[in-house]
Protein backbone atom coordinates (compact mmCIF):
# COMPACT_ATOMS: atom_id res chain seq x y z
CA UNK A 1 -7.65 9.41 23.11
CA UNK A 2 -4.73 8.88 20.70
CA UNK A 3 -5.04 9.26 16.88
CA UNK A 4 -4.29 5.67 15.99
CA UNK A 5 -6.54 4.36 18.91
CA UNK A 6 -9.51 6.53 17.80
CA UNK A 7 -9.28 5.19 13.99
CA UNK A 8 -8.90 1.92 14.83
CA UNK A 9 -12.12 1.58 17.07
CA UNK A 10 -14.19 2.22 13.61
CA UNK A 11 -11.75 0.18 11.13
CA UNK A 12 -12.84 -3.18 9.78
CA UNK A 13 -10.27 -5.24 8.09
CA UNK A 14 -12.40 -8.24 8.12
CA UNK A 15 -16.08 -7.77 7.58
CA UNK A 16 -17.03 -11.29 7.93
CA UNK A 17 -19.32 -10.82 11.15
CA UNK A 18 -20.18 -7.09 10.33
CA UNK A 19 -23.51 -5.98 11.14
CA UNK A 20 -24.49 -2.21 10.33
CA UNK A 21 -27.12 -2.28 13.14
CA UNK A 22 -23.92 -2.87 15.47
CA UNK A 23 -22.70 0.58 15.00
CA UNK A 24 -24.49 3.60 16.41
CA UNK A 25 -24.59 6.74 14.38
CA UNK A 26 -24.94 8.86 17.46
CA UNK A 27 -21.46 7.24 19.04
CA UNK A 28 -18.70 10.17 20.08
CA UNK A 29 -16.44 7.51 21.63
CA UNK A 30 -14.94 9.07 24.74
CA UNK A 31 -15.40 12.57 23.43
CA UNK A 32 -18.07 14.59 25.24
CA UNK A 33 -16.93 18.12 23.99
CA UNK A 34 -17.11 19.39 20.79
CA UNK A 35 -14.70 22.30 21.52
CA UNK A 36 -11.86 19.70 22.57
CA UNK A 37 -12.58 17.34 19.77
CA UNK A 38 -11.98 20.72 17.67
CA UNK A 39 -8.65 20.95 19.18
CA UNK A 40 -7.59 17.77 18.22
CA UNK A 41 -8.76 17.99 14.84
CA UNK A 42 -6.72 21.01 14.31
CA UNK A 43 -3.52 19.20 15.47
CA UNK A 44 -4.26 16.22 12.97
CA UNK A 45 -5.07 18.64 10.43
CA UNK A 46 -1.68 20.00 10.86
CA UNK A 47 0.17 16.86 11.18
CA UNK A 48 -1.65 15.60 7.89
CA UNK A 49 -0.12 18.87 6.16
CA UNK A 50 3.44 17.91 7.35
CA UNK A 51 2.87 14.12 6.41
CA UNK A 52 1.16 15.08 2.81
CA UNK A 53 4.25 17.53 2.03
CA UNK A 54 6.52 14.51 2.69
CA UNK A 55 4.21 12.20 0.59
CA UNK A 56 4.61 14.56 -2.38
CA UNK A 57 8.29 14.96 -2.07
CA UNK A 58 8.99 11.53 -1.70
CA UNK A 59 6.71 10.70 -4.85
CA UNK A 60 6.39 6.94 -4.28
CA UNK A 61 3.25 6.33 -2.57
CA UNK A 62 -0.40 7.64 -3.34
CA UNK A 63 -3.34 7.66 -1.07
CA UNK A 64 -6.79 7.17 -2.11
CA UNK A 65 -9.73 7.99 0.06
CA UNK A 66 -13.17 6.64 -0.90
CA UNK A 67 -16.40 8.17 1.04
CA UNK A 68 -19.74 6.46 0.64
CA UNK A 69 -22.83 7.42 2.41
CA UNK A 70 -26.78 7.95 2.47
CA UNK A 71 -27.78 11.45 1.45
CA UNK A 72 -27.17 14.23 3.75
CA UNK A 73 -24.43 12.51 5.82
CA UNK A 74 -22.03 14.91 5.37
CA UNK A 75 -19.38 13.82 2.84
CA UNK A 76 -18.73 17.31 1.42
CA UNK A 77 -18.43 18.69 4.59
CA UNK A 78 -16.17 16.21 6.02
CA UNK A 79 -13.83 16.47 2.76
CA UNK A 80 -13.80 20.33 3.21
CA UNK A 81 -12.75 20.35 6.93
CA UNK A 82 -10.83 17.20 7.23
CA UNK A 83 -8.65 18.25 4.20
CA UNK A 84 -8.61 21.96 4.73
CA UNK A 85 -4.77 22.05 5.52
CA UNK A 86 -3.79 20.09 2.68
CA UNK A 87 -1.81 21.85 -0.32
CA UNK A 88 -4.60 21.60 -3.21
CA UNK A 89 -1.51 20.85 -5.82
CA UNK A 90 -0.90 17.50 -3.89
CA UNK A 91 -4.66 16.59 -4.03
CA UNK A 92 -7.10 15.34 -6.43
CA UNK A 93 -10.79 15.22 -5.92
CA UNK A 94 -13.40 13.52 -8.15
CA UNK A 95 -17.40 13.22 -7.45
CA UNK A 96 -19.15 10.50 -9.15
CA UNK A 97 -22.32 11.36 -10.58
CA UNK A 98 -24.45 8.92 -12.70
CA UNK A 99 -22.37 7.33 -15.48
CA UNK A 100 -22.33 9.23 -18.77
CA UNK A 101 -23.02 7.51 -22.24
CA UNK A 102 -19.41 7.03 -22.86
CA UNK A 103 -18.69 5.59 -19.37
CA UNK A 104 -21.50 3.01 -19.91
CA UNK A 105 -19.67 1.67 -22.94
CA UNK A 106 -16.75 0.52 -20.32
CA UNK A 107 -16.80 -1.97 -17.62
CA UNK A 108 -18.03 -0.54 -14.32
CA UNK A 109 -14.53 0.29 -12.99
CA UNK A 110 -13.19 1.90 -15.96
CA UNK A 111 -14.20 5.63 -14.91
CA UNK A 112 -12.51 5.22 -11.58
CA UNK A 113 -9.48 3.95 -12.91
CA UNK A 114 -8.96 6.92 -14.95
CA UNK A 115 -9.50 9.20 -11.81
CA UNK A 116 -6.89 7.21 -9.65
CA UNK A 117 -4.19 9.63 -7.77
CA UNK A 118 -0.88 10.13 -9.30
CA UNK A 119 2.28 8.76 -7.16
CA UNK A 120 2.75 11.56 -4.37
CA UNK A 121 -0.75 12.59 -4.32
CA UNK A 122 -4.06 12.03 -2.08
CA UNK A 123 -6.97 11.01 -4.14
CA UNK A 124 -10.27 11.75 -2.99
CA UNK A 125 -13.67 10.00 -4.40
CA UNK A 126 -16.86 11.47 -3.43
CA UNK A 127 -18.74 8.25 -4.01
CA UNK A 128 -17.14 5.61 -6.27
CA UNK A 129 -17.24 2.33 -8.02
CA UNK A 130 -19.02 1.12 -4.91
CA UNK A 131 -22.27 2.73 -6.23
CA UNK A 132 -22.19 -0.21 -8.52
CA UNK A 133 -23.01 -2.56 -5.55
CA UNK A 134 -25.17 0.08 -3.91
CA UNK A 135 -27.66 2.26 -6.18
CA UNK A 136 -27.47 -0.35 -8.73
CA UNK A 137 -28.13 -3.35 -6.52
CA UNK A 138 -31.32 -1.43 -4.72
CA UNK A 139 -32.40 -0.28 -8.16
CA UNK A 140 -31.75 -3.25 -10.56
CA UNK A 141 -32.94 -1.64 -13.54
CA UNK A 142 -30.23 0.41 -13.79
CA UNK A 143 -28.33 -2.92 -14.95
CA UNK A 144 -30.40 -2.62 -18.09
CA UNK A 145 -28.52 0.58 -19.13
CA UNK A 146 -25.25 -0.87 -18.82
CA UNK A 147 -25.02 -2.75 -21.99
CA UNK A 148 -23.84 -5.86 -20.33
CA UNK A 149 -24.79 -9.00 -22.19
CA UNK A 150 -28.04 -10.46 -20.66
CA UNK A 151 -26.24 -13.76 -20.15
CA UNK A 152 -23.90 -12.08 -17.72
CA UNK A 153 -26.21 -10.66 -15.38
CA UNK A 154 -27.04 -13.57 -13.31
CA UNK A 155 -27.84 -14.23 -9.67
CA UNK A 156 -24.37 -14.17 -8.84
CA UNK A 157 -23.61 -10.84 -10.25
CA UNK A 158 -23.12 -8.87 -6.75
CA UNK A 159 -20.82 -11.53 -5.46
CA UNK A 160 -18.81 -11.28 -8.78
CA UNK A 161 -18.65 -7.49 -8.74
CA UNK A 162 -17.54 -8.01 -4.76
CA UNK A 163 -14.53 -10.08 -6.19
CA UNK A 164 -13.85 -7.59 -8.91
CA UNK A 165 -13.47 -4.79 -6.57
CA UNK A 166 -11.39 -6.89 -4.17
CA UNK A 167 -9.04 -7.80 -7.01
CA UNK A 168 -8.76 -4.22 -8.08
CA UNK A 169 -7.96 -2.81 -4.86
CA UNK A 170 -5.38 -5.60 -4.35
CA UNK A 171 -3.83 -4.71 -7.59
CA UNK A 172 -3.70 -0.90 -6.66
CA UNK A 173 -2.24 -1.65 -3.06
CA UNK A 174 0.61 -3.98 -4.69
CA UNK A 175 1.40 -1.01 -6.84
CA UNK A 176 1.71 1.63 -4.27
CA UNK A 177 -1.79 3.15 -3.80
CA UNK A 178 -2.94 2.94 -0.36
CA UNK A 179 -6.70 2.80 -0.07
CA UNK A 180 -8.92 3.99 2.94
CA UNK A 181 -12.79 3.69 2.54
CA UNK A 182 -15.20 5.66 5.03
CA UNK A 183 -18.97 4.97 5.22
CA UNK A 184 -20.41 7.81 7.12
CA UNK A 185 -23.09 6.21 8.91
CA UNK A 186 -26.11 8.26 9.34
CA UNK A 187 -29.29 7.54 11.13
CA UNK A 188 -32.75 8.02 9.41
CA UNK A 189 -33.81 10.37 12.21
CA UNK A 190 -30.80 12.65 11.64
CA UNK A 191 -31.28 12.39 7.70
CA UNK A 192 -34.87 13.78 8.37
CA UNK A 193 -33.48 16.62 10.33
CA UNK A 194 -30.80 17.51 7.67
CA UNK A 195 -33.52 17.57 5.01
CA UNK A 196 -35.92 19.60 7.02
CA UNK A 197 -33.14 22.07 7.38
CA UNK A 198 -32.20 22.25 3.50
CA UNK A 199 -35.87 23.13 3.22
CA UNK A 200 -36.36 25.62 5.64
CA UNK A 201 -33.05 27.35 5.45
CA UNK A 202 -32.82 29.43 2.18
CA UNK A 203 -29.02 29.28 2.14
CA UNK A 204 -29.48 25.37 2.19
CA UNK A 205 -32.49 25.20 -0.63
CA UNK A 206 -29.91 24.37 -3.23
CA UNK A 207 -28.76 21.24 -1.43
CA UNK A 208 -32.39 19.77 -1.64
CA UNK A 209 -33.77 17.41 -4.34
CA UNK A 210 -36.76 15.32 -4.81
CA UNK A 211 -34.72 12.40 -5.43
CA UNK A 212 -33.39 12.25 -1.98
CA UNK A 213 -36.98 11.67 -0.36
CA UNK A 214 -37.47 9.28 -2.92
CA UNK A 215 -34.38 7.34 -2.14
CA UNK A 216 -35.21 7.58 1.57
CA UNK A 217 -38.14 4.95 0.91
CA UNK A 218 -35.39 2.48 0.19
CA UNK A 219 -33.65 2.99 3.51
CA UNK A 220 -33.87 -0.65 4.58
CA UNK A 221 -32.76 -1.91 1.20
CA UNK A 222 -29.81 0.54 1.34
CA UNK A 223 -28.77 -0.64 5.00
CA UNK A 224 -28.69 -3.99 3.68
CA UNK A 225 -26.53 -3.38 0.86
CA UNK A 226 -24.00 -1.22 2.93
CA UNK A 227 -23.65 -4.29 5.01
CA UNK A 228 -23.15 -6.79 2.25
CA UNK A 229 -20.75 -4.16 0.65
CA UNK A 230 -18.60 -4.14 3.95
CA UNK A 231 -18.80 -7.59 4.85
CA UNK A 232 -17.47 -8.64 1.38
CA UNK A 233 -14.86 -5.62 0.62
CA UNK A 234 -13.37 -5.13 3.85
CA UNK A 235 -9.60 -6.18 3.91
CA UNK A 236 -6.31 -5.24 5.50
CA UNK A 237 -4.74 -3.40 2.55
CA UNK A 238 -8.23 -1.60 1.90
CA UNK A 239 -10.29 -1.48 5.18
CA UNK A 240 -13.39 0.17 5.50
CA UNK A 241 -14.19 2.81 8.51
CA UNK A 242 -17.98 2.82 9.52
CA UNK A 243 -17.69 6.27 11.00
CA UNK A 244 -20.73 7.59 13.12
CA UNK A 245 -22.16 10.53 11.25
CA UNK A 246 -24.95 11.88 13.35
CA UNK A 247 -22.41 14.50 15.11
CA UNK A 248 -20.50 16.12 12.24
CA UNK A 249 -17.53 17.27 14.50
CA UNK A 250 -17.05 13.59 15.56
CA UNK A 251 -16.97 12.43 11.79
CA UNK A 252 -14.54 14.91 11.16
CA UNK A 253 -12.19 13.93 14.09
CA UNK A 254 -12.65 9.83 13.10
CA UNK A 255 -11.79 10.64 9.44
CA UNK A 256 -8.73 12.75 10.39
CA UNK A 257 -7.33 10.11 12.91
CA UNK A 258 -7.72 7.67 10.30
CA UNK A 259 -5.60 9.53 7.47
CA UNK A 260 -3.08 10.82 9.68
CA UNK A 261 -2.47 7.16 11.04
CA UNK A 262 -2.46 5.74 7.57
CA UNK A 263 0.29 8.39 6.57
CA UNK A 264 2.47 7.74 9.58
CA UNK A 265 2.45 4.15 8.75
CA UNK A 266 4.29 4.83 5.57
CA UNK A 267 7.41 6.07 7.20
CA UNK A 268 7.49 9.23 4.91
CA UNK A 269 10.48 11.53 4.66
CA UNK A 270 11.96 14.02 2.53
CA UNK A 271 14.25 12.53 -0.13
CA UNK A 272 17.76 12.36 0.90
CA UNK A 273 20.50 14.44 -1.22
CA UNK A 274 23.37 12.44 -2.78
CA UNK A 275 26.93 13.76 -3.04
CA UNK A 276 26.54 14.83 -6.59
CA UNK A 277 23.47 16.69 -5.87
CA UNK A 278 25.10 18.47 -2.80
CA UNK A 279 27.97 19.54 -4.96
CA UNK A 280 25.11 21.11 -7.35
CA UNK A 281 23.69 22.97 -4.69
CA UNK A 282 26.98 24.41 -3.18
CA UNK A 283 27.78 25.67 -6.58
CA UNK A 284 24.42 27.12 -6.85
CA UNK A 285 24.98 28.85 -3.54
CA UNK A 286 28.20 30.28 -4.52
CA UNK A 287 26.76 31.80 -7.55
CA UNK A 288 24.05 33.50 -5.87
CA UNK A 289 26.32 34.73 -3.00
CA UNK A 290 28.63 36.67 -6.03
């Protein structure tokens, strides 16, 4: 399957009728061989490296990649494998944890705004401002720590936050930041399997947290929150990709395909040299040859 076609299979530009249960977390599309998929992934990684070099040299566009998922869905591994060929100098990665006291003294988008990628670079958000309509929605008491005037915390707060996010992303798109968002869709059964692996394999013990088990109790609430999030924030300029995540090799393949397709759509190229610059280069060459 061609790169663009694979990516479009999981892309959502309009989430009006999206239902999370309509996507099978174990789906691998037409791919049945992990080995064949691995070869295709390496081709896309090489293509991505070439496109990223042009993005950096052109210094006009920036690309923001947002990753959201339930625990153990493989965000870290996906970022590591898919971006393995990218020049680190042209990449900015930020992982969002619980807000700091300083961050709580600002609006919920403030800390993300400070981490947006520079022109010419790829920015990666491991979790993001979308936590504000996921974790905060599943655990409403978190709102109490955000210092929002009580009169503003109404029954419409989630719709208002969706609107704020849409406007924020439209503003970024209008100023040259291309946004692509990935929900790594993991099944509850596969999450259990991965949690057990973290407990049973010493080298994975460090990944385990008791909080992961407690959050698992809210599985249905999170699935509903993700569904509402995607329904309300999927747009043509900032689409969601709902990527099956039970098979890591396929997750990597889809994410890479989406990134390559996005960069190719920008029509990137190395900057053209004008006559004055060409004269400077010729003069420099003569000096070096003396």
